[in-house]
N, C-alpha and C. Protein backbone atom coordinates (compact mmCIF):
# COMPACT_ATOMS: atom_id res chain seq x y z
N MET A 1 33.56 -18.87 -31.76
CA MET A 1 33.88 -18.66 -30.37
C MET A 1 33.50 -17.23 -30.01
N SER A 2 32.91 -17.05 -28.89
CA SER A 2 32.62 -15.70 -28.43
C SER A 2 32.90 -15.61 -26.95
N VAL A 3 33.24 -14.42 -26.50
CA VAL A 3 33.48 -14.19 -25.10
C VAL A 3 32.19 -13.68 -24.51
N THR A 4 31.68 -14.38 -23.50
CA THR A 4 30.40 -14.00 -22.90
C THR A 4 30.61 -12.89 -21.89
N LYS A 5 29.50 -12.40 -21.34
CA LYS A 5 29.58 -11.35 -20.33
C LYS A 5 30.28 -11.83 -19.07
N THR A 6 30.29 -13.15 -18.84
CA THR A 6 30.92 -13.66 -17.63
C THR A 6 32.41 -13.88 -17.81
N ALA A 7 32.91 -13.68 -18.99
CA ALA A 7 34.35 -13.75 -19.23
C ALA A 7 34.79 -12.41 -19.79
N ARG A 8 35.94 -11.96 -19.36
CA ARG A 8 36.41 -10.68 -19.88
C ARG A 8 37.87 -10.81 -20.27
N ILE A 9 38.28 -10.00 -21.21
CA ILE A 9 39.67 -10.02 -21.64
C ILE A 9 40.29 -8.66 -21.31
N ALA A 10 41.40 -8.70 -20.63
CA ALA A 10 42.18 -7.48 -20.35
C ALA A 10 43.45 -7.58 -21.17
N ARG A 11 43.72 -6.57 -21.98
CA ARG A 11 44.89 -6.61 -22.86
C ARG A 11 46.01 -5.75 -22.31
N SER A 12 47.21 -6.17 -22.62
CA SER A 12 48.37 -5.33 -22.28
C SER A 12 49.52 -5.69 -23.20
N ALA A 13 50.34 -4.71 -23.47
CA ALA A 13 51.60 -4.95 -24.16
C ALA A 13 52.70 -4.72 -23.13
N ARG A 14 53.62 -5.64 -23.04
CA ARG A 14 54.68 -5.52 -22.05
C ARG A 14 55.56 -4.33 -22.37
N ALA A 15 56.09 -3.73 -21.34
CA ALA A 15 57.01 -2.60 -21.51
C ALA A 15 58.27 -3.10 -22.20
N MET A 16 58.81 -2.26 -23.06
CA MET A 16 59.99 -2.63 -23.85
C MET A 16 61.16 -3.04 -22.96
N ASP A 17 61.39 -2.31 -21.85
CA ASP A 17 62.54 -2.64 -21.01
C ASP A 17 62.37 -4.01 -20.36
N SER A 18 61.15 -4.40 -20.04
CA SER A 18 60.89 -5.72 -19.49
C SER A 18 61.22 -6.81 -20.50
N CYS A 19 60.85 -6.59 -21.76
CA CYS A 19 61.15 -7.57 -22.82
C CYS A 19 62.64 -7.67 -23.07
N LEU A 20 63.32 -6.52 -23.09
CA LEU A 20 64.76 -6.52 -23.32
C LEU A 20 65.50 -7.23 -22.19
N ASP A 21 65.04 -7.00 -20.95
CA ASP A 21 65.65 -7.68 -19.80
C ASP A 21 65.47 -9.19 -19.89
N GLU A 22 64.26 -9.63 -20.21
CA GLU A 22 64.00 -11.06 -20.33
C GLU A 22 64.86 -11.67 -21.44
N ALA A 23 64.95 -10.99 -22.57
CA ALA A 23 65.74 -11.50 -23.69
C ALA A 23 67.21 -11.64 -23.29
N ALA A 24 67.75 -10.63 -22.64
CA ALA A 24 69.16 -10.66 -22.24
C ALA A 24 69.41 -11.73 -21.18
N ASP A 25 68.52 -11.83 -20.20
CA ASP A 25 68.70 -12.77 -19.10
C ASP A 25 68.48 -14.22 -19.50
N ASP A 26 67.47 -14.47 -20.33
CA ASP A 26 67.05 -15.84 -20.60
C ASP A 26 67.53 -16.42 -21.93
N TYR A 27 67.79 -15.57 -22.93
CA TYR A 27 68.01 -16.10 -24.27
C TYR A 27 69.33 -15.71 -24.94
N ALA A 28 70.04 -14.73 -24.43
CA ALA A 28 71.25 -14.24 -25.10
C ALA A 28 72.30 -15.34 -25.28
N ASP A 29 72.51 -16.17 -24.27
CA ASP A 29 73.52 -17.23 -24.35
C ASP A 29 73.01 -18.47 -25.08
N ARG A 30 71.71 -18.67 -25.05
CA ARG A 30 71.13 -19.88 -25.64
C ARG A 30 71.19 -19.89 -27.16
N PHE A 31 70.96 -18.73 -27.77
CA PHE A 31 70.89 -18.63 -29.22
C PHE A 31 71.81 -17.50 -29.69
N PRO A 32 73.12 -17.72 -29.68
CA PRO A 32 74.06 -16.63 -29.97
C PRO A 32 74.00 -16.09 -31.40
N THR A 33 73.46 -16.85 -32.35
CA THR A 33 73.40 -16.37 -33.74
C THR A 33 72.12 -15.61 -34.06
N PHE A 34 71.20 -15.51 -33.10
CA PHE A 34 69.94 -14.81 -33.31
C PHE A 34 69.82 -13.66 -32.32
N LEU A 35 69.00 -12.68 -32.68
CA LEU A 35 68.67 -11.64 -31.71
C LEU A 35 67.90 -12.29 -30.57
N PRO A 36 68.31 -12.10 -29.33
CA PRO A 36 67.60 -12.75 -28.23
C PRO A 36 66.15 -12.29 -28.10
N GLU A 37 65.83 -11.08 -28.57
CA GLU A 37 64.47 -10.54 -28.43
C GLU A 37 63.44 -11.35 -29.21
N VAL A 38 63.84 -12.06 -30.28
CA VAL A 38 62.86 -12.82 -31.06
C VAL A 38 62.34 -14.02 -30.30
N ASN A 39 62.98 -14.38 -29.19
CA ASN A 39 62.56 -15.53 -28.41
C ASN A 39 61.54 -15.20 -27.31
N VAL A 40 61.28 -13.94 -27.10
CA VAL A 40 60.31 -13.53 -26.07
C VAL A 40 58.91 -13.70 -26.67
N VAL A 41 58.15 -14.66 -26.13
CA VAL A 41 56.87 -15.02 -26.75
C VAL A 41 55.66 -14.34 -26.11
N ASP A 42 55.88 -13.55 -25.06
CA ASP A 42 54.71 -12.93 -24.41
C ASP A 42 54.76 -11.41 -24.45
N VAL A 43 55.28 -10.85 -25.55
CA VAL A 43 55.27 -9.40 -25.71
C VAL A 43 53.83 -8.91 -25.77
N ILE A 44 53.00 -9.66 -26.48
CA ILE A 44 51.57 -9.37 -26.52
C ILE A 44 50.91 -10.38 -25.60
N ARG A 45 50.22 -9.88 -24.61
CA ARG A 45 49.65 -10.75 -23.58
C ARG A 45 48.22 -10.33 -23.31
N ALA A 46 47.37 -11.31 -23.11
CA ALA A 46 45.97 -11.04 -22.76
C ALA A 46 45.56 -11.96 -21.63
N ARG A 47 44.52 -11.56 -20.95
CA ARG A 47 44.00 -12.34 -19.82
C ARG A 47 42.53 -12.61 -20.08
N LEU A 48 42.15 -13.88 -20.00
CA LEU A 48 40.75 -14.27 -20.10
C LEU A 48 40.33 -14.75 -18.72
N VAL A 49 39.32 -14.11 -18.14
CA VAL A 49 38.84 -14.46 -16.81
C VAL A 49 37.49 -15.16 -16.96
N CYS A 50 37.45 -16.42 -16.52
CA CYS A 50 36.23 -17.23 -16.64
C CYS A 50 35.54 -17.34 -15.28
N SER A 51 34.23 -17.43 -15.30
CA SER A 51 33.47 -17.47 -14.05
C SER A 51 33.30 -18.87 -13.50
N SER A 52 33.69 -19.89 -14.26
CA SER A 52 33.54 -21.27 -13.78
C SER A 52 34.58 -22.17 -14.43
N GLY A 53 34.80 -23.31 -13.79
CA GLY A 53 35.69 -24.31 -14.37
C GLY A 53 35.14 -24.85 -15.68
N THR A 54 33.83 -24.98 -15.77
CA THR A 54 33.19 -25.44 -17.01
C THR A 54 33.47 -24.48 -18.15
N GLN A 55 33.37 -23.19 -17.85
CA GLN A 55 33.65 -22.19 -18.88
C GLN A 55 35.11 -22.26 -19.33
N MET A 56 36.02 -22.49 -18.38
CA MET A 56 37.43 -22.63 -18.74
C MET A 56 37.63 -23.83 -19.66
N LYS A 57 37.06 -24.98 -19.29
CA LYS A 57 37.21 -26.19 -20.10
C LYS A 57 36.63 -26.00 -21.49
N THR A 58 35.48 -25.37 -21.58
CA THR A 58 34.84 -25.13 -22.88
C THR A 58 35.73 -24.27 -23.77
N PHE A 59 36.25 -23.18 -23.19
CA PHE A 59 37.13 -22.31 -23.98
C PHE A 59 38.38 -23.06 -24.42
N LEU A 60 39.01 -23.79 -23.51
CA LEU A 60 40.26 -24.49 -23.84
C LEU A 60 40.05 -25.54 -24.92
N LYS A 61 38.91 -26.22 -24.89
CA LYS A 61 38.62 -27.19 -25.95
C LYS A 61 38.46 -26.49 -27.30
N LYS A 62 37.77 -25.35 -27.29
CA LYS A 62 37.55 -24.62 -28.55
C LYS A 62 38.85 -24.06 -29.12
N ILE A 63 39.68 -23.48 -28.27
CA ILE A 63 40.92 -22.88 -28.76
C ILE A 63 41.90 -23.96 -29.19
N ASP A 64 41.82 -25.14 -28.61
CA ASP A 64 42.71 -26.24 -29.00
C ASP A 64 42.46 -26.67 -30.45
N ASP A 65 41.24 -26.48 -30.92
CA ASP A 65 40.91 -26.80 -32.32
C ASP A 65 41.36 -25.70 -33.28
N GLY A 66 41.86 -24.59 -32.74
CA GLY A 66 42.24 -23.45 -33.57
C GLY A 66 41.05 -22.51 -33.73
N TYR A 67 41.33 -21.28 -34.00
CA TYR A 67 40.30 -20.27 -34.15
C TYR A 67 40.61 -19.43 -35.38
N GLN A 68 39.59 -19.20 -36.21
CA GLN A 68 39.76 -18.38 -37.41
C GLN A 68 38.64 -17.37 -37.51
N THR A 69 38.99 -16.20 -38.01
CA THR A 69 37.99 -15.16 -38.27
C THR A 69 38.56 -14.23 -39.33
N GLU A 70 37.78 -13.23 -39.69
CA GLU A 70 38.24 -12.23 -40.64
C GLU A 70 37.93 -10.86 -40.06
N ILE A 71 38.92 -9.97 -40.09
CA ILE A 71 38.75 -8.61 -39.59
C ILE A 71 39.21 -7.66 -40.68
N ASP A 72 38.30 -6.79 -41.11
CA ASP A 72 38.61 -5.82 -42.17
C ASP A 72 39.23 -6.49 -43.39
N GLY A 73 38.71 -7.65 -43.77
CA GLY A 73 39.19 -8.35 -44.96
C GLY A 73 40.48 -9.14 -44.77
N GLN A 74 41.02 -9.14 -43.55
CA GLN A 74 42.26 -9.88 -43.29
C GLN A 74 41.94 -11.15 -42.52
N LYS A 75 42.50 -12.26 -42.97
CA LYS A 75 42.28 -13.53 -42.30
C LYS A 75 43.14 -13.59 -41.04
N ILE A 76 42.48 -13.90 -39.92
CA ILE A 76 43.13 -14.01 -38.62
C ILE A 76 42.97 -15.44 -38.14
N LYS A 77 44.06 -16.01 -37.64
CA LYS A 77 44.01 -17.39 -37.16
C LYS A 77 44.85 -17.50 -35.89
N LEU A 78 44.35 -18.27 -34.92
CA LEU A 78 45.09 -18.58 -33.69
C LEU A 78 45.28 -20.08 -33.60
N ASN A 79 46.52 -20.51 -33.36
CA ASN A 79 46.83 -21.92 -33.13
C ASN A 79 47.60 -22.05 -31.82
N VAL A 80 47.32 -23.09 -31.07
CA VAL A 80 48.02 -23.34 -29.82
C VAL A 80 49.42 -23.86 -30.13
N ALA A 81 50.43 -23.19 -29.56
CA ALA A 81 51.82 -23.63 -29.72
C ALA A 81 52.30 -24.35 -28.46
N ARG A 82 51.86 -23.90 -27.28
CA ARG A 82 52.29 -24.50 -26.02
C ARG A 82 51.25 -24.23 -24.95
N VAL A 83 51.09 -25.18 -24.04
CA VAL A 83 50.17 -25.04 -22.91
C VAL A 83 50.93 -25.30 -21.62
N LYS A 84 50.75 -24.40 -20.65
CA LYS A 84 51.24 -24.62 -19.30
C LYS A 84 50.02 -24.65 -18.39
N ASN A 85 49.67 -25.85 -17.95
CA ASN A 85 48.51 -26.02 -17.09
C ASN A 85 48.96 -25.96 -15.64
N LYS A 86 48.82 -24.81 -15.02
CA LYS A 86 49.29 -24.65 -13.65
C LYS A 86 48.29 -25.20 -12.62
N PHE A 87 47.25 -25.87 -13.10
CA PHE A 87 46.41 -26.66 -12.20
C PHE A 87 47.05 -28.02 -11.99
N SER A 88 47.96 -28.39 -12.86
CA SER A 88 48.69 -29.66 -12.80
C SER A 88 49.93 -29.47 -11.93
N SER A 89 50.25 -30.45 -11.10
CA SER A 89 51.45 -30.34 -10.26
C SER A 89 52.71 -30.29 -11.11
N LYS A 90 52.67 -30.85 -12.31
CA LYS A 90 53.83 -30.86 -13.21
C LYS A 90 54.22 -29.44 -13.64
N ASP A 91 53.25 -28.58 -13.88
CA ASP A 91 53.52 -27.23 -14.38
C ASP A 91 53.37 -26.14 -13.33
N SER A 92 53.03 -26.50 -12.09
CA SER A 92 52.79 -25.46 -11.09
C SER A 92 54.11 -24.85 -10.65
N ASP A 93 54.01 -23.62 -10.16
CA ASP A 93 55.21 -22.93 -9.68
C ASP A 93 55.15 -22.84 -8.16
N PRO A 94 56.22 -22.36 -7.51
CA PRO A 94 56.26 -22.34 -6.04
C PRO A 94 55.12 -21.56 -5.38
N SER A 95 54.55 -20.56 -6.08
CA SER A 95 53.47 -19.77 -5.48
C SER A 95 52.16 -20.56 -5.41
N ARG A 96 52.08 -21.64 -6.19
CA ARG A 96 50.87 -22.48 -6.27
C ARG A 96 49.68 -21.73 -6.87
N PHE A 97 49.94 -20.60 -7.53
CA PHE A 97 48.88 -19.86 -8.21
C PHE A 97 48.42 -20.68 -9.41
N ARG A 98 47.14 -20.86 -9.56
CA ARG A 98 46.58 -21.73 -10.59
C ARG A 98 45.99 -20.93 -11.74
N ASN A 99 46.41 -21.27 -12.96
CA ASN A 99 45.85 -20.74 -14.20
C ASN A 99 46.35 -21.60 -15.34
N VAL A 100 45.96 -21.28 -16.54
CA VAL A 100 46.46 -21.97 -17.73
C VAL A 100 47.07 -20.91 -18.62
N LEU A 101 48.34 -21.10 -18.98
CA LEU A 101 49.03 -20.17 -19.88
C LEU A 101 49.12 -20.80 -21.26
N LEU A 102 48.64 -20.08 -22.25
CA LEU A 102 48.70 -20.55 -23.63
C LEU A 102 49.65 -19.66 -24.42
N ASN A 103 50.59 -20.26 -25.11
CA ASN A 103 51.35 -19.54 -26.12
C ASN A 103 50.67 -19.88 -27.43
N LEU A 104 50.23 -18.84 -28.12
CA LEU A 104 49.47 -19.01 -29.35
C LEU A 104 50.23 -18.39 -30.52
N GLN A 105 50.08 -18.99 -31.68
CA GLN A 105 50.57 -18.37 -32.91
C GLN A 105 49.41 -17.57 -33.47
N LEU A 106 49.60 -16.27 -33.58
CA LEU A 106 48.60 -15.36 -34.14
C LEU A 106 49.00 -15.08 -35.58
N TYR A 107 48.20 -15.58 -36.51
CA TYR A 107 48.45 -15.38 -37.94
C TYR A 107 47.57 -14.27 -38.46
N CYS A 108 48.15 -13.38 -39.24
CA CYS A 108 47.41 -12.36 -39.97
C CYS A 108 47.91 -12.43 -41.40
N ASN A 109 47.07 -12.95 -42.29
CA ASN A 109 47.47 -13.25 -43.65
C ASN A 109 48.67 -14.20 -43.62
N GLU A 110 49.82 -13.84 -44.17
CA GLU A 110 50.97 -14.75 -44.19
C GLU A 110 51.92 -14.53 -43.02
N HIS A 111 51.69 -13.54 -42.19
CA HIS A 111 52.60 -13.21 -41.09
C HIS A 111 52.07 -13.80 -39.79
N PHE A 112 53.01 -14.13 -38.86
CA PHE A 112 52.55 -14.59 -37.56
C PHE A 112 53.47 -14.08 -36.47
N HIS A 113 52.93 -14.06 -35.26
CA HIS A 113 53.66 -13.66 -34.07
C HIS A 113 53.16 -14.52 -32.93
N PHE A 114 54.01 -14.77 -31.95
CA PHE A 114 53.59 -15.50 -30.76
C PHE A 114 52.98 -14.53 -29.76
N VAL A 115 51.91 -14.96 -29.12
CA VAL A 115 51.25 -14.18 -28.08
C VAL A 115 50.97 -15.10 -26.90
N GLU A 116 50.73 -14.50 -25.74
CA GLU A 116 50.38 -15.29 -24.56
C GLU A 116 48.96 -14.97 -24.14
N LEU A 117 48.20 -15.99 -23.85
CA LEU A 117 46.86 -15.83 -23.29
C LEU A 117 46.84 -16.53 -21.94
N GLN A 118 46.52 -15.77 -20.90
CA GLN A 118 46.40 -16.32 -19.55
C GLN A 118 44.92 -16.58 -19.30
N VAL A 119 44.60 -17.82 -18.98
CA VAL A 119 43.21 -18.20 -18.72
C VAL A 119 43.07 -18.41 -17.21
N HIS A 120 42.22 -17.59 -16.58
CA HIS A 120 42.07 -17.58 -15.13
C HIS A 120 40.65 -17.95 -14.72
N HIS A 121 40.52 -18.54 -13.55
CA HIS A 121 39.23 -18.71 -12.90
C HIS A 121 39.03 -17.46 -12.03
N LYS A 122 37.88 -16.84 -12.15
CA LYS A 122 37.61 -15.56 -11.49
C LYS A 122 37.86 -15.62 -9.98
N MET A 123 37.37 -16.66 -9.31
CA MET A 123 37.51 -16.74 -7.86
C MET A 123 38.98 -16.88 -7.43
N ILE A 124 39.74 -17.66 -8.17
CA ILE A 124 41.16 -17.84 -7.85
C ILE A 124 41.91 -16.54 -8.07
N LEU A 125 41.62 -15.86 -9.16
CA LEU A 125 42.29 -14.59 -9.45
C LEU A 125 41.95 -13.54 -8.38
N GLU A 126 40.68 -13.47 -7.99
CA GLU A 126 40.28 -12.51 -6.95
C GLU A 126 40.96 -12.83 -5.63
N TYR A 127 41.05 -14.12 -5.28
CA TYR A 127 41.73 -14.52 -4.04
C TYR A 127 43.20 -14.12 -4.09
N ASN A 128 43.84 -14.40 -5.21
CA ASN A 128 45.26 -14.06 -5.37
C ASN A 128 45.47 -12.55 -5.25
N ASP A 129 44.63 -11.77 -5.94
CA ASP A 129 44.76 -10.31 -5.87
C ASP A 129 44.57 -9.80 -4.45
N ALA A 130 43.61 -10.35 -3.71
CA ALA A 130 43.37 -9.94 -2.32
C ALA A 130 44.55 -10.33 -1.44
N ALA A 131 45.11 -11.51 -1.65
CA ALA A 131 46.25 -11.97 -0.86
C ALA A 131 47.47 -11.09 -1.11
N LEU A 132 47.69 -10.68 -2.34
CA LEU A 132 48.82 -9.81 -2.67
C LEU A 132 48.67 -8.44 -2.04
N MET A 133 47.43 -7.97 -1.92
CA MET A 133 47.19 -6.66 -1.32
C MET A 133 47.51 -6.68 0.17
N GLN A 134 47.45 -7.84 0.81
CA GLN A 134 47.68 -7.93 2.25
C GLN A 134 49.15 -8.10 2.60
N GLU A 135 50.02 -8.28 1.59
CA GLU A 135 51.45 -8.45 1.88
C GLU A 135 52.10 -7.15 2.27
């Protein structure tokens, strides 16, 4: 799998206070015997912006099969844990913003962590960004 010039990835790590707030608000009561912070699955988040629906479908099919590589002698593997297809009415939210959210298990040797990958169509993302600027 490779990211072409027409797709770009923007990386970010969420601010600690944002993660702590989410953990306290969403998970503290649900899992009282565990630290609520371990349930926050999007501490590491990336955005993949595709230039076409075809490019989105191609990427989603490839990542669904899993992805493996090696970096500096360490085996890296990505597996899909959950998909939220916000193009589907079942998973859409009130804003009607369309994208696909993937929760992935990122394995490095024997260790793993959950990460979030947001897959966007370039035109929809640009429209959304322009609409937000006008508010």
